Each structure stands twice: as C-alpha cells, then as structure tokens.
Protein backbone atom coordinates (compact mmCIF):
# COMPACT_ATOMS: atom_id res chain seq x y z
CA UNK A 1 114.30 189.95 101.42
CA UNK A 2 113.83 186.21 101.72
CA UNK A 3 115.60 184.22 104.43
CA UNK A 4 113.68 180.98 104.08
CA UNK A 5 116.51 178.69 105.05
CA UNK A 6 118.86 180.84 107.04
CA UNK A 7 116.63 182.51 109.64
CA UNK A 8 118.81 185.58 110.19
CA UNK A 9 117.82 187.23 113.49
CA UNK A 10 120.90 188.99 114.86
CA UNK A 11 122.04 192.46 113.83
CA UNK A 12 125.32 194.32 113.91
CA UNK A 13 125.60 198.11 113.65
CA UNK A 14 128.73 199.76 112.28
CA UNK A 15 130.42 202.86 113.62
CA UNK A 16 129.52 206.09 111.88
CA UNK A 17 131.23 206.42 108.51
CA UNK A 18 132.40 202.80 108.42
CA UNK A 19 129.76 201.71 105.93
CA UNK A 20 131.66 203.19 102.96
CA UNK A 21 133.63 200.04 102.08
CA UNK A 22 130.50 197.90 102.35
CA UNK A 23 128.66 200.24 99.97
CA UNK A 24 131.55 199.68 97.54
CA UNK A 25 130.87 195.96 98.05
CA UNK A 26 134.13 195.12 99.76
CA UNK A 27 133.33 191.81 101.49
CA UNK A 28 135.36 192.30 104.70
CA UNK A 29 134.42 194.26 107.81
CA UNK A 30 137.09 194.50 110.50
CA UNK A 31 136.43 194.41 114.22
CA UNK A 32 137.24 198.11 114.65
CA UNK A 33 134.24 199.03 112.49
CA UNK A 34 131.69 197.36 114.77
CA UNK A 35 129.63 199.55 117.09
CA UNK A 36 127.13 197.17 118.71
CA UNK A 37 125.13 193.98 118.30
CA UNK A 38 121.43 193.30 118.66
CA UNK A 39 121.36 189.66 119.72
CA UNK A 40 124.26 187.34 120.45
CA UNK A 41 125.45 185.72 117.21
CA UNK A 42 127.50 182.54 117.43
CA UNK A 43 130.74 182.04 115.53
CA UNK A 44 129.89 181.78 111.83
CA UNK A 45 126.22 182.75 112.19
CA UNK A 46 124.76 185.15 109.61
CA UNK A 47 123.87 188.66 110.79
CA UNK A 48 122.12 191.67 109.31
CA UNK A 49 124.74 194.39 108.82
CA UNK A 50 123.48 197.94 109.35
CA UNK A 51 124.95 201.40 109.27
CA UNK A 52 124.94 203.68 112.31
CA UNK A 53 121.85 205.28 110.72
CA UNK A 54 120.06 201.89 110.65
CA UNK A 55 120.36 201.43 106.87
CA UNK A 56 120.53 197.77 105.83
CA UNK A 57 123.89 197.10 104.19
CA UNK A 58 123.45 193.36 103.67
CA UNK A 59 124.01 190.03 105.40
CA UNK A 60 127.37 188.67 106.50
CA UNK A 61 128.89 185.74 108.35
CA UNK A 62 130.11 186.69 111.84
CA UNK A 63 133.49 185.58 113.18
CA UNK A 64 133.96 185.89 116.93
CA UNK A 65 137.72 185.21 116.69
CA UNK A 66 139.13 186.81 113.56
CA UNK A 67 140.04 190.47 113.09
CA UNK A 68 137.83 190.20 110.03
CA UNK A 69 134.62 190.15 112.04
CA UNK A 70 132.18 190.00 109.14
CA UNK A 71 132.46 188.49 105.67
CA UNK A 72 129.58 189.63 103.51
CA UNK A 73 127.32 187.07 101.89
CA UNK A 74 125.02 189.60 100.24
CA UNK A 75 124.77 193.37 99.85
CA UNK A 76 121.80 195.71 100.26
CA UNK A 77 118.59 193.81 99.82
CA UNK A 78 120.08 191.05 97.64
CA UNK A 79 118.48 187.67 98.21
CA UNK A 80 119.99 185.32 100.77
CA UNK A 81 117.74 182.28 100.74
CA UNK A 82 117.68 178.53 100.13
CA UNK A 83 118.81 178.96 96.51
CA UNK A 84 121.74 181.23 97.38
CA UNK A 85 124.57 178.68 97.24
CA UNK A 86 123.21 176.86 94.17
CA UNK A 87 122.94 180.17 92.31
CA UNK A 88 126.46 181.25 93.30
CA UNK A 89 127.92 177.91 92.16
CA UNK A 90 126.11 178.17 88.82
CA UNK A 91 127.45 181.70 88.28
CA UNK A 92 130.99 180.57 89.12
CA UNK A 93 130.71 177.65 86.69
CA UNK A 94 129.47 179.92 83.88
CA UNK A 95 132.61 182.01 84.26
CA UNK A 96 134.93 178.96 84.21
CA UNK A 97 133.33 177.62 81.06
CA UNK A 98 134.67 180.67 79.21
CA UNK A 99 138.27 180.10 80.31
CA UNK A 100 138.89 176.38 80.77
CA UNK A 101 139.83 174.55 77.58
CA UNK A 102 138.61 171.09 76.63
CA UNK A 103 142.06 169.57 77.30
CA UNK A 104 141.91 170.56 80.98
CA UNK A 105 139.83 168.86 83.69
CA UNK A 106 141.41 170.47 86.77
CA UNK A 107 140.64 174.05 87.77
CA UNK A 108 139.32 176.29 90.52
CA UNK A 109 135.53 176.30 90.51
CA UNK A 110 135.03 178.79 93.36
CA UNK A 111 137.57 181.38 94.46
CA UNK A 112 136.11 182.60 97.74
CA UNK A 113 135.29 186.30 97.89
CA UNK A 114 135.85 186.74 94.14
CA UNK A 115 132.86 184.47 93.52
CA UNK A 116 130.72 185.90 96.32
CA UNK A 117 131.38 182.95 98.64
CA UNK A 118 133.85 184.34 101.20
CA UNK A 119 136.18 181.85 102.84
CA UNK A 120 135.15 179.00 100.55
CA UNK A 121 137.36 177.33 97.93
CA UNK A 122 136.25 174.61 95.52
CA UNK A 123 138.66 172.91 93.10
CA UNK A 124 137.93 170.25 90.53
CA UNK A 125 140.38 167.42 89.87
CA UNK A 126 138.84 165.27 87.14
CA UNK A 127 135.76 163.70 88.82
CA UNK A 128 136.83 164.75 92.32
CA UNK A 129 135.89 168.04 93.95
CA UNK A 130 138.07 169.33 96.77
CA UNK A 131 136.83 172.08 99.07
CA UNK A 132 138.17 174.30 101.82
CA UNK A 133 136.01 176.02 104.42
CA UNK A 134 138.38 178.73 105.61
CA UNK A 135 136.03 181.13 107.41
CA UNK A 136 133.60 180.67 110.29
CA UNK A 137 130.79 181.80 107.99
CA UNK A 138 131.45 179.25 105.26
CA UNK A 139 131.98 176.51 107.85
CA UNK A 140 128.61 177.36 109.43
CA UNK A 141 126.88 176.59 106.09
CA UNK A 142 128.98 173.54 105.22
CA UNK A 143 126.02 171.18 104.94
CA UNK A 144 124.09 173.53 102.64
CA UNK A 145 127.15 174.20 100.48
CA UNK A 146 127.90 170.48 100.05
CA UNK A 147 124.27 169.86 99.01
CA UNK A 148 124.59 172.66 96.45
CA UNK A 149 127.81 171.15 95.02
CA UNK A 150 126.06 167.80 94.61
CA UNK A 151 123.06 169.44 92.91
CA UNK A 152 125.08 171.57 90.49
CA UNK A 153 128.04 169.32 89.63
CA UNK A 154 126.94 165.74 90.43
CA UNK A 155 130.49 164.81 91.53
CA UNK A 156 131.90 161.34 92.11
CA UNK A 157 133.42 162.61 95.35
CA UNK A 158 133.73 165.73 97.50
CA UNK A 159 136.79 165.81 99.71
CA UNK A 160 137.39 168.43 102.40
CA UNK A 161 140.86 169.93 102.81
CA UNK A 162 140.14 172.42 105.60
CA UNK A 163 143.63 172.06 107.03
CA UNK A 164 144.94 175.56 106.38
CA UNK A 165 146.37 177.64 109.26
CA UNK A 166 143.82 180.33 108.36
CA UNK A 167 141.15 178.30 110.18
CA UNK A 168 142.92 178.81 113.51
CA UNK A 169 142.27 182.55 113.23
CA UNK A 170 138.58 181.71 112.86
CA UNK A 171 138.50 179.49 115.94
CA UNK A 172 138.11 176.37 113.78
CA UNK A 173 139.87 173.02 114.00
CA UNK A 174 141.62 171.51 110.94
CA UNK A 175 139.51 168.91 109.11
CA UNK A 176 140.29 166.55 106.22
CA UNK A 177 137.70 163.97 105.21
CA UNK A 178 135.40 162.72 102.48
CA UNK A 179 132.13 164.67 102.58
CA UNK A 180 130.34 162.92 99.73
CA UNK A 181 130.80 159.92 97.47
CA UNK A 182 133.78 157.61 97.31
CA UNK A 183 137.10 157.93 99.07
CA UNK A 184 139.68 159.49 96.70
CA UNK A 185 142.55 157.42 95.37
CA UNK A 186 146.01 158.06 96.81
CA UNK A 187 146.85 159.88 93.57
CA UNK A 188 144.27 161.33 91.18
CA UNK A 189 145.19 161.69 87.51
CA UNK A 190 144.26 165.01 85.89
CA UNK A 191 144.69 166.55 82.46
CA UNK A 192 146.03 170.08 81.99
CA UNK A 193 146.46 171.56 78.52
CA UNK A 194 146.71 168.01 77.20
CA UNK A 195 149.41 166.98 79.69
CA UNK A 196 148.80 164.52 82.51
CA UNK A 197 149.61 164.98 86.20
CA UNK A 198 149.15 162.95 89.36
CA UNK A 199 147.73 164.91 92.28
CA UNK A 200 147.66 164.01 95.96
CA UNK A 201 144.44 165.75 96.94
CA UNK A 202 144.55 164.40 100.50
CA UNK A 203 147.86 165.86 101.68
CA UNK A 204 149.40 167.79 98.75
CA UNK A 205 150.01 171.55 99.00
CA UNK A 206 146.85 173.70 98.97
CA UNK A 207 144.20 171.32 97.60
CA UNK A 208 146.80 169.14 95.92
CA UNK A 209 148.21 171.18 93.06
CA UNK A 210 149.00 174.77 92.03
CA UNK A 211 146.12 175.30 89.63
CA UNK A 212 146.77 179.05 89.58
CA UNK A 213 150.00 178.56 87.57
CA UNK A 214 148.36 176.68 84.68
CA UNK A 215 148.68 179.45 82.07
CA UNK A 216 152.17 180.42 83.22
CA UNK A 217 153.34 176.82 82.89
CA UNK A 218 152.03 176.83 79.31
CA UNK A 219 153.78 180.16 78.67
CA UNK A 220 157.11 178.61 79.67
CA UNK A 221 156.94 176.26 76.67
CA UNK A 222 157.69 179.23 74.39
CA UNK A 223 161.13 179.85 75.97
CA UNK A 224 162.74 176.45 76.50
CA UNK A 225 163.64 174.99 73.09
CA UNK A 226 167.14 173.42 73.43
CA UNK A 227 167.59 175.21 76.79
CA UNK A 228 169.21 174.07 80.01
CA UNK A 229 166.47 174.70 82.59
CA UNK A 230 166.57 175.05 86.37
CA UNK A 231 163.15 174.67 88.01
CA UNK A 232 163.32 175.86 91.64
CA UNK A 233 160.71 175.00 94.31
CA UNK A 234 159.46 172.46 91.79
CA UNK A 235 156.77 170.72 93.95
CA UNK A 236 155.51 167.85 91.75
CA UNK A 237 157.36 169.12 88.69
CA UNK A 238 154.71 171.04 86.74
CA UNK A 239 157.01 173.61 85.16
CA UNK A 240 159.56 170.86 84.52
CA UNK A 241 157.05 168.79 82.54
CA UNK A 242 156.16 171.78 80.35
CA UNK A 243 159.88 172.46 79.85
CA UNK A 244 160.51 168.90 78.65
CA UNK A 245 157.45 169.01 76.43
CA UNK A 246 158.67 172.33 75.01
CA UNK A 247 161.95 170.77 73.90
CA UNK A 248 164.35 171.63 76.73
CA UNK A 249 167.81 170.13 76.44
CA UNK A 250 167.91 169.39 80.18
CA UNK A 251 165.89 170.14 83.32
CA UNK A 252 166.85 170.16 86.99
CA UNK A 253 163.92 170.14 89.44
CA UNK A 254 164.84 171.43 92.91
CA UNK A 255 162.52 170.41 95.77
CA UNK A 256 163.14 169.62 99.44
CA UNK A 257 160.30 167.08 99.66
CA UNK A 258 161.16 163.50 98.69
CA UNK A 259 157.45 162.71 98.33
CA UNK A 260 156.99 165.55 95.82
CA UNK A 261 159.97 164.35 93.81
CA UNK A 262 158.52 160.83 93.68
CA UNK A 263 155.29 162.18 92.16
CA UNK A 264 157.30 164.43 89.81
CA UNK A 265 159.17 161.38 88.47
CA UNK A 266 155.86 159.58 87.92
CA UNK A 267 154.57 162.63 86.01
CA UNK A 268 157.52 162.40 83.62
CA UNK A 269 156.70 158.73 82.93
CA UNK A 270 152.97 159.44 82.67
CA UNK A 271 153.60 161.86 79.79
CA UNK A 272 156.06 159.59 78.01
CA UNK A 273 158.88 162.13 78.28
CA UNK A 274 162.61 161.41 78.19
CA UNK A 275 163.65 160.86 81.81
CA UNK A 276 167.34 161.05 80.88
CA UNK A 277 166.92 164.79 80.34
CA UNK A 278 165.68 165.53 83.86
CA UNK A 279 167.32 165.46 87.31
CA UNK A 280 165.68 165.74 90.72
CA UNK A 281 167.67 167.61 93.37
CA UNK A 282 166.36 167.14 96.89
CA UNK A 283 167.96 170.29 98.24
CA UNK A 284 167.35 173.72 99.73
CA UNK A 285 167.04 176.22 96.87
CA UNK A 286 168.94 179.02 98.62
CA UNK A 287 171.89 176.74 99.36
CA UNK A 288 171.91 175.10 95.94
CA UNK A 289 171.86 178.43 94.09
CA UNK A 290 174.92 179.51 96.06
CA UNK A 291 176.62 176.22 95.28
CA UNK A 292 175.94 176.70 91.56
CA UNK A 293 177.21 180.29 91.75
CA UNK A 294 180.44 179.20 93.43
CA UNK A 295 181.01 176.48 90.82
CA UNK A 296 180.17 178.92 87.97
CA UNK A 297 177.34 176.71 86.66
CA UNK A 298 175.07 178.40 84.11
CA UNK A 299 171.53 177.93 82.80
CA UNK A 300 169.47 179.27 79.90
CA UNK A 301 166.15 179.39 81.78
CA UNK A 302 165.47 179.56 85.53
CA UNK A 303 162.04 179.31 87.18
CA UNK A 304 161.59 180.68 90.71
CA UNK A 305 158.18 179.73 92.10
CA UNK A 306 158.69 179.85 95.88
CA UNK A 307 156.08 179.28 98.60
CA UNK A 308 154.56 182.27 100.35
CA UNK A 309 157.35 184.19 102.10
CA UNK A 310 155.06 186.73 103.86
CA UNK A 311 152.16 185.33 105.90
CA UNK A 312 151.42 188.76 107.41
CA UNK A 313 152.25 192.45 106.93
CA UNK A 314 154.84 192.14 109.72
CA UNK A 315 156.85 189.75 107.51
CA UNK A 316 157.05 192.00 104.42
CA UNK A 317 160.62 193.21 105.01
CA UNK A 318 161.98 189.74 105.73
CA UNK A 319 160.12 188.32 102.72
CA UNK A 320 161.45 191.09 100.48
CA UNK A 321 165.01 190.17 101.43
CA UNK A 322 164.28 186.52 100.63
CA UNK A 323 162.85 187.35 97.20
CA UNK A 324 165.77 189.63 96.40
CA UNK A 325 168.28 186.99 97.48
CA UNK A 326 167.02 184.19 95.23
CA UNK A 327 166.45 186.49 92.25
CA UNK A 328 169.90 188.03 92.56
CA UNK A 329 171.46 184.56 92.64
CA UNK A 330 169.36 183.41 89.67
CA UNK A 331 170.36 186.42 87.58
CA UNK A 332 174.03 185.60 88.15
CA UNK A 333 173.48 181.99 87.06
CA UNK A 334 171.90 182.80 83.70
CA UNK A 335 173.73 182.70 80.40
CA UNK A 336 173.71 185.79 78.18
CA UNK A 337 170.11 186.54 77.14
CA UNK A 338 168.92 183.95 79.64
CA UNK A 339 165.27 183.88 80.73
CA UNK A 340 164.06 184.23 84.30
CA UNK A 341 160.50 183.25 85.22
CA UNK A 342 160.03 184.66 88.73
CA UNK A 343 156.95 184.66 90.97
CA UNK A 344 155.57 185.71 94.33
CA UNK A 345 152.34 184.28 95.75
CA UNK A 346 152.51 186.44 98.89
CA UNK A 347 149.43 188.66 98.92
CA UNK A 348 151.21 191.12 101.22
CA UNK A 349 153.87 191.69 98.53
CA UNK A 350 151.99 193.76 95.96
CA UNK A 351 152.89 193.99 92.28
CA UNK A 352 154.65 197.33 92.67
CA UNK A 353 156.85 196.10 95.52
CA UNK A 354 157.67 192.88 93.69
CA UNK A 355 158.82 194.84 90.64
CA UNK A 356 161.02 197.02 92.87
CA UNK A 357 162.57 193.92 94.45
CA UNK A 358 163.40 192.48 91.01
CA UNK A 359 164.85 195.79 89.83
CA UNK A 360 166.97 196.03 92.98
CA UNK A 361 168.23 192.48 92.45
CA UNK A 362 169.05 193.35 88.84
CA UNK A 363 171.12 196.36 89.90
CA UNK A 364 173.08 194.37 92.46
CA UNK A 365 173.64 191.49 90.03
CA UNK A 366 175.56 193.75 87.67
CA UNK A 367 173.51 192.36 84.76
CA UNK A 368 171.36 194.27 82.30
CA UNK A 369 167.87 192.93 83.00
CA UNK A 370 164.75 193.56 80.90
CA UNK A 371 161.28 192.95 82.34
CA UNK A 372 159.42 191.77 79.25
CA UNK A 373 156.13 190.36 80.49
CA UNK A 374 153.91 190.30 83.60
CA UNK A 375 152.14 187.14 84.71
CA UNK A 376 149.16 186.57 86.99
CA UNK A 377 147.04 183.82 88.46
CA UNK A 378 144.96 181.88 85.93
CA UNK A 379 141.48 183.32 85.17
CA UNK A 380 139.73 180.60 87.16
CA UNK A 381 141.19 182.55 90.12
CA UNK A 382 139.55 185.85 89.09
CA UNK A 383 140.63 189.16 90.60
CA UNK A 384 137.45 190.91 91.77
CA UNK A 385 137.29 194.66 91.16
CA UNK A 386 135.66 195.14 94.58
CA UNK A 387 138.27 193.00 96.35
CA UNK A 388 141.87 193.90 95.51
CA UNK A 389 143.09 191.28 97.99
CA UNK A 390 142.09 188.61 95.46
CA UNK A 391 145.17 189.52 93.40
CA UNK A 392 147.95 187.55 95.04
CA UNK A 393 150.04 185.79 92.38
CA UNK A 394 152.35 188.01 90.40
CA UNK A 395 155.15 187.03 88.08
CA UNK A 396 157.66 188.47 85.63
CA UNK A 397 159.46 187.15 82.61
CA UNK A 398 162.88 188.76 82.53
CA UNK A 399 165.64 188.66 79.95
CA UNK A 400 169.04 188.79 81.59
CA UNK A 401 171.45 190.24 79.04
C-alpha cells in the first residue's frame, strides 16, 4: 500500500465482530465499535483501521467529536496515495457524463460517500464549483482536494459553502469563502434542461439550488397542461418555472422567504414566461393550506417539496405528523383526478414510512388516492449499494380521485 502523501501512522482496532460492516464496504464506523488506538490521531487525521485479529480493513478519517468516529477512505489494501483524490474525481465525472444532458450545466459532481469521498460535496454551477467539507476527514484534506478539483476540472472559481450544521458535530467551525479563482457573482446563471435559473451560491439553501430535483421538475411538465398549480415550499421557483413552461393555466408559488421570491420572479423573466400567470405568496404553507381549505379553493396540481422535517431519529414521529398534515390538506384541495407531487428529503423517513404516511393521509382525507409513480433524487446523487443512507429523497405522484 502506498501512502506517499498522507503518511498514515496511527491505528485503530475494532471490537471483536465489528468488522463485518467494513468488510461489506459500509463507510461509517461508530464510536461503539472502537476497541483501542495505537497512537493519538488528531481530529480528521487518517488512521489504519484493523480488526480485533489485526487484519487490515482499510484507511479512514478519524473524528474525535462525532458518533461516526471513522469514515472510510479506502478498503482493504486499496491505494490511498497522492493520486487518490484526482482518481476519485475522475471516476465521479465519468459517471455524471452518462446522466447529464447537454442542455444542463448544473449538477452534483461528487456525492460524498456514494463517490468514495465521505463528507465531501462538490456541485457545478456553470463555470463555478461549490464545495462542502462536512466531515473532519474531508476538512483535513481540504488543500489536497482543492488541488485535485483544479487539476481535473480547471474551474473559473471554487467556492466553499461549509456552513451546514453537520460540521458542528465534527468539531468544525462554519466557513464560506472563495478557495480558488474569482469571487462568484451575487447570482450565477445556470441552464437546466434548456431552462435558465439564477442561483445564489453564497447564501442559498444547500449549495444554492436543489439539484437533486432536476428530473422530478422535468417530470412535472407532463401533468400541468391548462392546470391550476399550487407550488408549496417553492424556494426560487423551480417547479413553478417547469409548470409555466409545461402550459399551466396559473401557478401560485408559496415561500416564506422574500429573497427567494425575488429570485423566483427573476427566473420567470429570464425564461421569457408569462408573469401574469404566476403569483408569489409569501406565507407559511401550513397556514395557507388551511386558509384555502376553509375558503373551498381548489387546484388541479399541487407540489409539496418541504425542507427536511426530521434532522434526527428522535424527530421521526413529529416529522411524520407534519408530512401527514400537509398531504392531508393538499388532498382535500385537489379537484377530481387532481395530481399531487409530494416529497420528503428527510433521510430518517424511509420510503416505506413515507408511503404509509401518504396512505394514512389519503384515508383521513376521504378521497380515493392512487399512488401512480415513485420519484427519487437525480442520478448525479447516486444511491450506493453499500451505503443505504445515500437514499434520502423520495417522492410520489398521486392521483386524487
């Protein structure tokens, strides 16, 4: 095994029997699996991971703060040397080339553990690359990773958006700054499936935009001809733009953020769409849905794309009630044979539970509801077979009879 650049010296031994998940190439090792250390690794430093029987299981990044104590960089005797990050980026790019069409210049280039780079996210927005270092291990190798991005992609700019709450669990401070090249514009224009969008990569949600919904936004276009559409939790209006482009009769975007609504309005103008067909409601979705219910307002298509309701397993029950509430209200607001696009991006709410929530809402709504299609995150956010946690976005298209 070559360690030319990384000089791995510390070792961690696992408790007996706890090597099984690592042998299946699951990238996380929790603190309860650790038996002892040889050496004193610092937060983020790479360590040799060994079984209780002294078998080498691979190399991982150590976190002194998180319950996930080790995130695996490599398994067995796989190489972990000066070419490691360049090779991983090239592999990730090869995969994206198969799935990203020529009318799209914004997509996820690296999806953390799914691409063998745990705790690291890299998104492309036209000529700008936006990255997140979300684990102590990825943060430790920030300099090497940035050099690899420059070598592989030759970007105009690399901007860091390491301002997620996840970093606190890793003992890391939030950071946002330009790492390479020129300072990004206030709004960056991207193209997605031939449509144009303005993205605030400095302070917008996630890295600026919900790239994972790209294919689902395109899917919406098939259901909106001459429809009255309600787009809830609309952010900068992505689903609303696709609805207008697909021939919707009218669209109402619902978003609490005035700044998001400003960008959403600009996106309508940018695509040359009829702004008389779209309204922007700066309101709380839960309250507005109740208001519509009480006034007997109806829609042909409703999109529910809420933020994450469950940040931890302890919040599953509360989140489930929230999802049921908005879906129940939406079902009551739909015209006969109306279409509901409904999503959850909470990783702790699995697909089976989400389906149960929707079915429970359907029963309580008194409507006959058909679940006609499942939706997932776009393929530039691949779900790794060895890492089920990489499946987080789930959605359903429902017909409400």
